[in-house]
């Protein structure tokens, strides 16, 4: 794994690669490579022992040409200004490739949440919500969960916003608990879209998913859900990993049992269904039919890509491959389903939640999953059509060609005025 690749520069490189196949002016492309605004703020809260502590926090609103800014809030020590700018850009093109009427945003706080109590995290979350209050709203910017955040934090943000605004506005944020206006199917959505996209890729490549071997790097919500669902489709999960290490069994193992072991012990390592323990890099370079990177960005750099032996990669994480890794894998004929399509289930079902909140009419899980499948399949078809029509070098460029064109069209159709 490399920590040298700047994620914002990676995003801009991906946009430049796609722009070569688009009849869009350089001035418009330049506009689409930068966020419209970035909030950088310092949050100070009282710790449980009475001491004060300061935290850096960010919110990037990358592009709103197609609708309100949309994107998660993560709590992680590696959060940075460039990271949230990149993630907000990826979200812009993610909503565009799946053709939902939203823009792109992202936020984060520099923190390791494991080091803080629930009460401290609540104070911090509400402090951030207070800073975000002028920027967010169901027609302006709609945050959501991301790394190390979930329904609990979204409920706190919703309550803080509604209390300060003296209103009821469940659509101000998505990823909420069901009783607070959340949507059925949201928790599994990212993992579900990852495996739907993988299934479509196998079909396109005339490969059989039944019995295909799968390795999953990262066993959080997206990774373990993808493992469970791909197992239900008939594939065989042979390896998985988390921040503590990886497990392997050539005959496959029960991904649900592995998750239960992680819940009990804090890691997949030591799971009784494995026959060997591996490093994260080992899991990424196994000879498998399908690799699902589901951790953080930059998991695979050019050097590691030389050792990758998977035939298909479906990116559950955002930006798990550096641009240099993409070039290596392209030369090895690895079919990569890009993150902006593969993991778009999360934002797609967040969109469904937003729609349901505004209508005050809620769907059952079957409808949510059917609607999600239709959107991901249509998006994959659009990617493949563009991939073949332009004879492009890789599917990622095809996805950006589709997405950038849609954002540019919205911008140009709206016109420009001083």
Protein backbone atom coordinates (compact mmCIF):
# COMPACT_ATOMS: atom_id res chain seq x y z
CA UNK A 1 0.00 0.00 0.00
CA UNK A 2 1.16 3.52 -0.79
CA UNK A 3 0.36 6.67 1.15
CA UNK A 4 2.17 8.89 -1.32
CA UNK A 5 -0.54 9.37 -3.94
CA UNK A 6 -2.49 12.57 -3.33
CA UNK A 7 -6.17 11.60 -3.77
CA UNK A 8 -7.13 15.00 -5.16
CA UNK A 9 -4.40 14.77 -7.78
CA UNK A 10 -5.60 11.25 -8.59
CA UNK A 11 -9.11 12.59 -9.19
CA UNK A 12 -7.82 15.35 -11.46
CA UNK A 13 -5.74 12.83 -13.40
CA UNK A 14 -8.83 10.66 -13.95
CA UNK A 15 -10.78 13.69 -15.21
CA UNK A 16 -7.95 14.60 -17.60
CA UNK A 17 -7.87 11.05 -18.98
CA UNK A 18 -11.59 11.18 -19.78
CA UNK A 19 -11.50 14.75 -21.12
CA UNK A 20 -9.37 13.59 -24.04
CA UNK A 21 -12.45 11.78 -25.40
CA UNK A 22 -14.92 14.60 -24.83
CA UNK A 23 -15.80 17.63 -26.93
CA UNK A 24 -15.75 19.94 -23.92
CA UNK A 25 -13.70 23.11 -23.65
CA UNK A 26 -10.61 23.16 -21.48
CA UNK A 27 -12.16 26.00 -19.46
CA UNK A 28 -15.15 23.86 -18.52
CA UNK A 29 -12.93 20.88 -17.71
CA UNK A 30 -10.82 23.10 -15.47
CA UNK A 31 -13.97 24.14 -13.62
CA UNK A 32 -14.97 20.49 -13.18
CA UNK A 33 -11.62 19.63 -11.56
CA UNK A 34 -12.06 21.84 -8.50
CA UNK A 35 -14.59 22.16 -5.68
CA UNK A 36 -16.91 25.13 -5.59
CA UNK A 37 -16.19 25.72 -1.91
CA UNK A 38 -14.53 24.07 1.09
CA UNK A 39 -15.36 24.69 4.74
CA UNK A 40 -12.39 24.26 7.07
CA UNK A 41 -13.27 24.65 10.71
CA UNK A 42 -11.90 23.97 14.18
CA UNK A 43 -14.18 22.27 16.67
CA UNK A 44 -13.46 22.50 20.39
CA UNK A 45 -15.31 20.28 22.85
CA UNK A 46 -15.06 19.45 26.52
CA UNK A 47 -13.74 15.96 27.23
CA UNK A 48 -15.31 13.82 29.92
CA UNK A 49 -12.48 14.80 32.30
CA UNK A 50 -13.20 18.51 31.82
CA UNK A 51 -10.25 19.27 29.51
CA UNK A 52 -10.82 20.98 26.16
CA UNK A 53 -9.68 19.46 22.87
CA UNK A 54 -9.57 20.93 19.38
CA UNK A 55 -10.38 18.97 16.19
CA UNK A 56 -9.95 19.92 12.53
CA UNK A 57 -13.02 19.37 10.35
CA UNK A 58 -13.88 19.90 6.69
CA UNK A 59 -16.82 19.96 4.29
CA UNK A 60 -16.19 20.16 0.54
CA UNK A 61 -19.01 21.08 -1.83
CA UNK A 62 -17.55 20.05 -5.16
CA UNK A 63 -20.32 20.56 -7.70
CA UNK A 64 -24.04 21.30 -7.57
CA UNK A 65 -24.88 21.53 -11.28
CA UNK A 66 -27.14 18.46 -11.16
CA UNK A 67 -28.68 18.96 -7.73
CA UNK A 68 -27.94 19.41 -4.02
CA UNK A 69 -24.45 18.46 -2.85
CA UNK A 70 -24.44 14.88 -1.56
CA UNK A 71 -21.84 12.93 0.33
CA UNK A 72 -20.74 11.36 3.57
CA UNK A 73 -18.96 12.51 6.71
CA UNK A 74 -16.07 10.37 7.94
CA UNK A 75 -14.24 10.26 11.27
CA UNK A 76 -10.65 9.15 10.71
CA UNK A 77 -7.10 10.25 11.67
CA UNK A 78 -6.13 10.57 8.00
CA UNK A 79 -8.89 13.01 7.04
CA UNK A 80 -7.40 16.01 5.23
CA UNK A 81 -8.48 18.91 3.06
CA UNK A 82 -7.25 17.20 -0.13
CA UNK A 83 -8.93 13.94 0.83
CA UNK A 84 -12.37 15.49 1.26
CA UNK A 85 -11.91 17.51 -1.95
CA UNK A 86 -11.14 14.29 -3.82
CA UNK A 87 -13.98 12.37 -2.23
CA UNK A 88 -16.45 15.15 -3.01
CA UNK A 89 -15.31 15.09 -6.63
CA UNK A 90 -15.68 11.33 -6.85
CA UNK A 91 -19.17 11.75 -5.40
CA UNK A 92 -20.05 14.32 -8.08
CA UNK A 93 -19.22 11.86 -10.84
CA UNK A 94 -20.70 8.95 -8.91
CA UNK A 95 -24.14 10.57 -8.80
CA UNK A 96 -23.76 11.44 -12.47
CA UNK A 97 -22.81 7.94 -13.67
CA UNK A 98 -25.90 6.48 -11.96
CA UNK A 99 -27.91 9.46 -13.24
CA UNK A 100 -29.54 10.65 -10.03
CA UNK A 101 -30.28 14.39 -9.60
CA UNK A 102 -27.63 15.22 -7.01
CA UNK A 103 -24.21 16.82 -6.91
CA UNK A 104 -21.17 15.90 -4.87
CA UNK A 105 -19.91 16.75 -1.41
CA UNK A 106 -17.88 15.18 1.40
CA UNK A 107 -16.83 15.95 4.93
CA UNK A 108 -14.75 14.67 7.76
CA UNK A 109 -13.22 15.19 11.17
CA UNK A 110 -9.62 14.34 12.00
CA UNK A 111 -10.15 11.88 14.85
CA UNK A 112 -9.76 8.27 15.86
CA UNK A 113 -13.24 7.65 17.31
CA UNK A 114 -12.04 4.58 19.21
CA UNK A 115 -10.24 6.92 21.61
CA UNK A 116 -13.39 8.79 22.66
CA UNK A 117 -16.54 8.04 24.63
CA UNK A 118 -20.01 8.08 23.12
CA UNK A 119 -20.78 11.28 25.02
CA UNK A 120 -17.65 12.96 23.62
CA UNK A 121 -18.51 11.85 20.08
CA UNK A 122 -22.02 13.21 20.48
CA UNK A 123 -20.71 16.60 21.60
CA UNK A 124 -18.27 16.66 18.68
CA UNK A 125 -20.91 15.62 16.15
CA UNK A 126 -23.37 18.24 17.36
CA UNK A 127 -20.61 20.88 17.28
CA UNK A 128 -19.89 19.98 13.65
CA UNK A 129 -23.60 20.05 12.84
CA UNK A 130 -23.78 23.58 14.24
CA UNK A 131 -20.95 24.65 11.92
CA UNK A 132 -22.59 22.91 8.95
CA UNK A 133 -26.01 24.43 9.67
CA UNK A 134 -25.69 27.40 7.23
CA UNK A 135 -24.54 25.10 4.44
CA UNK A 136 -26.79 22.06 4.65
CA UNK A 137 -30.48 21.49 3.94
CA UNK A 138 -32.56 19.12 1.83
CA UNK A 139 -32.28 21.47 -1.18
CA UNK A 140 -28.68 22.54 -0.54
CA UNK A 141 -26.34 19.88 0.87
CA UNK A 142 -27.37 16.48 2.22
CA UNK A 143 -24.66 14.67 4.26
CA UNK A 144 -24.61 10.93 4.99
CA UNK A 145 -22.50 8.33 6.86
CA UNK A 146 -19.02 7.32 5.77
CA UNK A 147 -15.99 5.72 7.43
CA UNK A 148 -16.54 5.34 11.21
CA UNK A 149 -19.93 7.06 11.17
CA UNK A 150 -23.41 5.59 10.92
CA UNK A 151 -27.03 5.94 11.91
CA UNK A 152 -26.17 7.23 15.38
CA UNK A 153 -24.18 10.21 14.13
CA UNK A 154 -26.71 10.99 11.40
CA UNK A 155 -29.51 11.02 13.98
CA UNK A 156 -27.50 13.48 16.10
CA UNK A 157 -26.92 15.78 13.12
CA UNK A 158 -30.59 15.66 12.12
CA UNK A 159 -31.71 16.47 15.66
CA UNK A 160 -29.21 19.34 16.02
CA UNK A 161 -30.21 20.89 12.71
CA UNK A 162 -33.95 20.54 13.31
CA UNK A 163 -33.65 21.93 16.85
CA UNK A 164 -31.65 24.99 15.78
CA UNK A 165 -33.88 25.61 12.74
CA UNK A 166 -37.06 24.92 14.73
CA UNK A 167 -38.36 22.68 11.96
CA UNK A 168 -38.90 19.09 10.89
CA UNK A 169 -36.68 18.26 7.93
CA UNK A 170 -35.70 14.57 7.79
CA UNK A 171 -34.30 15.02 4.27
CA UNK A 172 -31.46 17.20 5.60
CA UNK A 173 -29.37 14.05 6.05
CA UNK A 174 -29.50 10.40 4.98
CA UNK A 175 -28.32 7.14 6.46
CA UNK A 176 -30.56 7.62 9.48
CA UNK A 177 -32.14 4.89 11.59
CA UNK A 178 -35.52 3.70 10.30
CA UNK A 179 -37.47 5.31 13.14
CA UNK A 180 -35.79 8.63 12.35
CA UNK A 181 -36.73 8.55 8.66
CA UNK A 182 -34.13 6.18 7.27
CA UNK A 183 -34.66 3.85 4.33
CA UNK A 184 -34.91 0.09 4.17
CA UNK A 185 -31.93 -1.38 2.33
CA UNK A 186 -29.53 1.48 3.12
CA UNK A 187 -27.13 -0.50 5.32
CA UNK A 188 -26.44 -3.13 2.63
CA UNK A 189 -26.59 -0.75 -0.35
CA UNK A 190 -22.86 -0.18 -0.99
CA UNK A 191 -21.98 -3.86 -0.76
CA UNK A 192 -25.02 -4.75 -2.85
CA UNK A 193 -24.10 -2.43 -5.72
CA UNK A 194 -20.51 -3.72 -5.61
CA UNK A 195 -21.64 -7.29 -6.27
CA UNK A 196 -24.32 -6.31 -8.81
CA UNK A 197 -21.60 -4.48 -10.76
CA UNK A 198 -19.27 -7.48 -10.40
CA UNK A 199 -22.02 -9.81 -11.65
CA UNK A 200 -22.58 -7.58 -14.69
CA UNK A 201 -18.84 -7.51 -15.38
CA UNK A 202 -18.62 -11.30 -15.26
CA UNK A 203 -21.57 -11.53 -17.63
CA UNK A 204 -19.99 -8.98 -20.00
CA UNK A 205 -16.70 -10.88 -19.97
CA UNK A 206 -18.54 -14.21 -20.45
CA UNK A 207 -17.21 -15.51 -17.12
CA UNK A 208 -19.15 -17.74 -14.73
CA UNK A 209 -19.75 -16.21 -11.29
CA UNK A 210 -20.91 -19.57 -9.92
CA UNK A 211 -17.89 -21.01 -8.11
CA UNK A 212 -15.68 -17.98 -8.80
CA UNK A 213 -13.10 -17.31 -6.09
CA UNK A 214 -13.31 -13.98 -4.26
CA UNK A 215 -11.00 -12.01 -1.95
CA UNK A 216 -12.31 -9.07 0.08
CA UNK A 217 -9.88 -6.51 1.49
CA UNK A 218 -11.63 -4.59 4.26
CA UNK A 219 -14.36 -6.23 6.33
CA UNK A 220 -16.39 -3.26 7.45
CA UNK A 221 -19.97 -2.73 6.38
CA UNK A 222 -19.35 -2.60 2.62
CA UNK A 223 -16.81 -5.44 2.56
CA UNK A 224 -18.64 -7.97 4.67
CA UNK A 225 -21.98 -7.21 2.97
CA UNK A 226 -20.35 -7.74 -0.42
CA UNK A 227 -18.85 -11.02 0.82
CA UNK A 228 -22.23 -12.24 2.09
CA UNK A 229 -24.10 -11.30 -1.10
CA UNK A 230 -21.49 -12.64 -3.51
CA UNK A 231 -21.55 -15.92 -1.54
CA UNK A 232 -25.34 -16.02 -1.98
CA UNK A 233 -24.81 -15.62 -5.74
CA UNK A 234 -22.78 -18.83 -5.77
CA UNK A 235 -19.23 -17.46 -5.65
CA UNK A 236 -16.69 -18.72 -3.10
CA UNK A 237 -15.13 -16.25 -0.66
CA UNK A 238 -11.64 -17.56 0.03
CA UNK A 239 -10.01 -14.55 1.74
CA UNK A 240 -10.88 -11.47 3.76
CA UNK A 241 -8.98 -8.91 5.78
CA UNK A 242 -9.32 -5.94 8.08
CA UNK A 243 -6.82 -3.52 9.64
CA UNK A 244 -5.41 -6.32 11.84
CA UNK A 245 -4.68 -8.79 9.05
CA UNK A 246 -6.31 -11.37 6.79
CA UNK A 247 -7.64 -14.91 6.65
CA UNK A 248 -7.60 -17.51 3.89
CA UNK A 249 -9.22 -20.84 3.11
CA UNK A 250 -8.79 -22.31 -0.37
CA UNK A 251 -12.12 -24.12 -0.06
CA UNK A 252 -13.95 -20.98 1.03
CA UNK A 253 -15.57 -20.01 4.33
CA UNK A 254 -18.84 -18.67 5.66
CA UNK A 255 -18.62 -14.85 5.40
CA UNK A 256 -21.40 -14.39 7.96
CA UNK A 257 -19.57 -16.53 10.52
CA UNK A 258 -16.39 -14.54 9.82
CA UNK A 259 -18.30 -11.33 10.53
CA UNK A 260 -19.67 -12.77 13.79
CA UNK A 261 -16.10 -13.62 14.80
CA UNK A 262 -15.02 -10.03 14.00
CA UNK A 263 -17.91 -8.67 16.09
CA UNK A 264 -16.81 -10.80 19.04
CA UNK A 265 -13.05 -10.26 18.82
CA UNK A 266 -12.59 -7.05 16.85
CA UNK A 267 -10.93 -8.73 13.85
CA UNK A 268 -11.36 -11.53 11.32
CA UNK A 269 -7.92 -12.80 12.38
CA UNK A 270 -8.21 -16.04 14.30
CA UNK A 271 -11.46 -17.08 12.64
CA UNK A 272 -11.87 -20.86 12.99
CA UNK A 273 -12.97 -21.21 9.36
CA UNK A 274 -9.59 -20.09 8.01
CA UNK A 275 -6.56 -22.24 7.34
CA UNK A 276 -3.98 -19.45 7.11
CA UNK A 277 -3.41 -15.87 8.20
CA UNK A 278 -2.34 -13.26 5.65
CA UNK A 279 -1.40 -9.61 5.46
CA UNK A 280 -3.61 -7.11 3.69
CA UNK A 281 -1.18 -7.02 0.78
CA UNK A 282 -1.37 -10.83 0.57
CA UNK A 283 -5.15 -10.63 0.25
CA UNK A 284 -4.86 -8.01 -2.52
CA UNK A 285 -2.47 -10.18 -4.55
CA UNK A 286 -4.13 -13.59 -4.29
CA UNK A 287 -4.83 -15.54 -7.48
CA UNK A 288 -8.62 -15.12 -7.44
CA UNK A 289 -11.32 -14.48 -10.02
CA UNK A 290 -12.67 -11.39 -8.23
CA UNK A 291 -11.01 -8.92 -5.89
CA UNK A 292 -13.10 -6.49 -3.83
CA UNK A 293 -11.03 -3.71 -2.22
CA UNK A 294 -13.33 -2.32 0.48
CA UNK A 295 -11.04 -0.32 2.77
CA UNK A 296 -9.51 3.14 2.19
CA UNK A 297 -8.04 4.90 -0.85
CA UNK A 298 -4.59 4.11 -2.28
CA UNK A 299 -4.66 0.46 -1.17
CA UNK A 300 -2.97 -0.62 -4.41
CA UNK A 301 -0.09 1.37 -5.87
CA UNK A 302 1.91 0.57 -9.01
CA UNK A 303 4.34 -1.77 -7.23
CA UNK A 304 1.59 -3.81 -5.61
CA UNK A 305 -0.41 -3.83 -8.84
CA UNK A 306 2.41 -5.79 -10.48
CA UNK A 307 1.58 -8.64 -8.09
CA UNK A 308 -2.22 -8.48 -8.46
CA UNK A 309 -3.55 -11.70 -10.01
CA UNK A 310 -7.31 -11.13 -9.94
CA UNK A 311 -9.18 -11.14 -13.24
CA UNK A 312 -11.85 -8.65 -12.15
CA UNK A 313 -11.77 -5.93 -9.51
CA UNK A 314 -14.96 -4.31 -8.20
CA UNK A 315 -14.12 -1.28 -6.08
CA UNK A 316 -16.21 -1.07 -2.92
CA UNK A 317 -13.83 1.56 -1.50
CA UNK A 318 -13.31 5.05 -2.88
CA UNK A 319 -10.07 5.41 -4.82
CA UNK A 320 -8.45 2.10 -3.82
CA UNK A 321 -6.19 2.15 -6.90
CA UNK A 322 -3.71 4.90 -7.67
CA UNK A 323 -3.59 6.15 -11.30
CA UNK A 324 -0.23 4.40 -11.70
CA UNK A 325 -1.79 1.15 -10.49
CA UNK A 326 -4.55 1.57 -13.07
CA UNK A 327 -1.94 1.71 -15.82
CA UNK A 328 -0.27 -1.48 -14.58
CA UNK A 329 -3.56 -3.38 -14.33
CA UNK A 330 -4.64 -2.16 -17.75
CA UNK A 331 -1.50 -3.76 -19.18
CA UNK A 332 -2.42 -7.01 -17.41
CA UNK A 333 -5.98 -6.98 -18.85
CA UNK A 334 -7.58 -6.77 -15.41
CA UNK A 335 -11.18 -5.53 -15.74
CA UNK A 336 -11.74 -2.88 -13.07
CA UNK A 337 -15.29 -1.81 -12.26
CA UNK A 338 -14.56 1.72 -10.99
CA UNK A 339 -15.60 2.97 -7.58
CA UNK A 340 -17.91 5.66 -8.93
CA UNK A 341 -20.12 2.88 -10.29
CA UNK A 342 -19.36 -0.16 -8.14
CA UNK A 343 -19.96 1.47 -4.76
CA UNK A 344 -22.66 3.89 -5.90
CA UNK A 345 -25.33 1.86 -4.09
CA UNK A 346 -24.81 3.88 -0.94
CA UNK A 347 -25.55 7.24 -2.54
CA UNK A 348 -28.31 5.74 -4.69
CA UNK A 349 -30.24 4.43 -1.70
CA UNK A 350 -29.46 7.68 0.11
CA UNK A 351 -31.21 9.35 -2.82
CA UNK A 352 -34.15 6.99 -2.32
CA UNK A 353 -34.18 7.94 1.38
CA UNK A 354 -34.16 11.65 0.47
CA UNK A 355 -37.07 11.10 -1.94
CA UNK A 356 -39.03 9.17 0.69
CA UNK A 357 -38.35 11.85 3.31
CA UNK A 358 -39.67 14.56 1.04
CA UNK A 359 -42.77 12.60 0.10
CA UNK A 360 -43.32 11.29 3.65
CA UNK A 361 -44.02 7.96 1.95
CA UNK A 362 -41.74 5.00 2.59
CA UNK A 363 -40.85 1.95 0.50
CA UNK A 364 -40.32 -1.66 1.54
CA UNK A 365 -36.89 -3.29 1.17
CA UNK A 366 -37.91 -5.28 -1.91
CA UNK A 367 -38.75 -2.11 -3.81
CA UNK A 368 -35.53 -0.41 -2.68
CA UNK A 369 -33.41 -3.33 -3.88
CA UNK A 370 -35.27 -3.60 -7.20
CA UNK A 371 -34.86 0.12 -7.87
CA UNK A 372 -31.17 -0.06 -6.95
CA UNK A 373 -30.53 -3.03 -9.21
CA UNK A 374 -32.18 -1.30 -12.17
CA UNK A 375 -30.05 1.83 -11.71
CA UNK A 376 -26.74 -0.05 -11.34
CA UNK A 377 -27.46 -2.29 -14.36
CA UNK A 378 -28.39 0.73 -16.51
CA UNK A 379 -25.23 2.54 -15.40
CA UNK A 380 -23.06 -0.49 -16.23
CA UNK A 381 -24.69 -0.72 -19.66
CA UNK A 382 -23.93 2.97 -20.30
CA UNK A 383 -20.32 2.39 -19.22
CA UNK A 384 -19.90 -0.59 -21.55
CA UNK A 385 -21.50 1.23 -24.48
CA UNK A 386 -19.09 4.13 -24.05
CA UNK A 387 -16.15 1.79 -23.43
CA UNK A 388 -16.75 0.03 -26.74
CA UNK A 389 -17.83 3.05 -28.81
CA UNK A 390 -14.67 5.01 -28.00
CA UNK A 391 -12.46 1.89 -27.85
CA UNK A 392 -11.24 3.08 -24.48
CA UNK A 393 -8.31 1.68 -22.58
CA UNK A 394 -10.17 0.91 -19.37
CA UNK A 395 -13.67 0.99 -17.82
CA UNK A 396 -12.77 3.79 -15.41
CA UNK A 397 -12.18 6.24 -18.23
CA UNK A 398 -15.49 5.16 -19.76
CA UNK A 399 -17.30 5.89 -16.50
CA UNK A 400 -15.78 9.36 -16.31
CA UNK A 401 -16.61 10.08 -19.94
CA UNK A 402 -20.28 9.36 -19.22
CA UNK A 403 -20.31 11.21 -15.89
CA UNK A 404 -18.37 14.32 -16.94
CA UNK A 405 -20.53 14.75 -20.03
CA UNK A 406 -23.66 14.72 -17.89
CA UNK A 407 -22.28 17.29 -15.44
CA UNK A 408 -20.97 19.51 -18.24
CA UNK A 409 -24.33 19.35 -20.04
CA UNK A 410 -26.14 20.47 -16.88
CA UNK A 411 -23.71 23.36 -16.42
CA UNK A 412 -23.93 24.53 -20.04
CA UNK A 413 -27.71 24.16 -20.23
CA UNK A 414 -28.06 26.38 -17.14
CA UNK A 415 -25.88 29.06 -18.69
CA UNK A 416 -23.31 31.30 -17.03
CA UNK A 417 -23.93 34.74 -15.59
CA UNK A 418 -21.91 37.17 -13.44
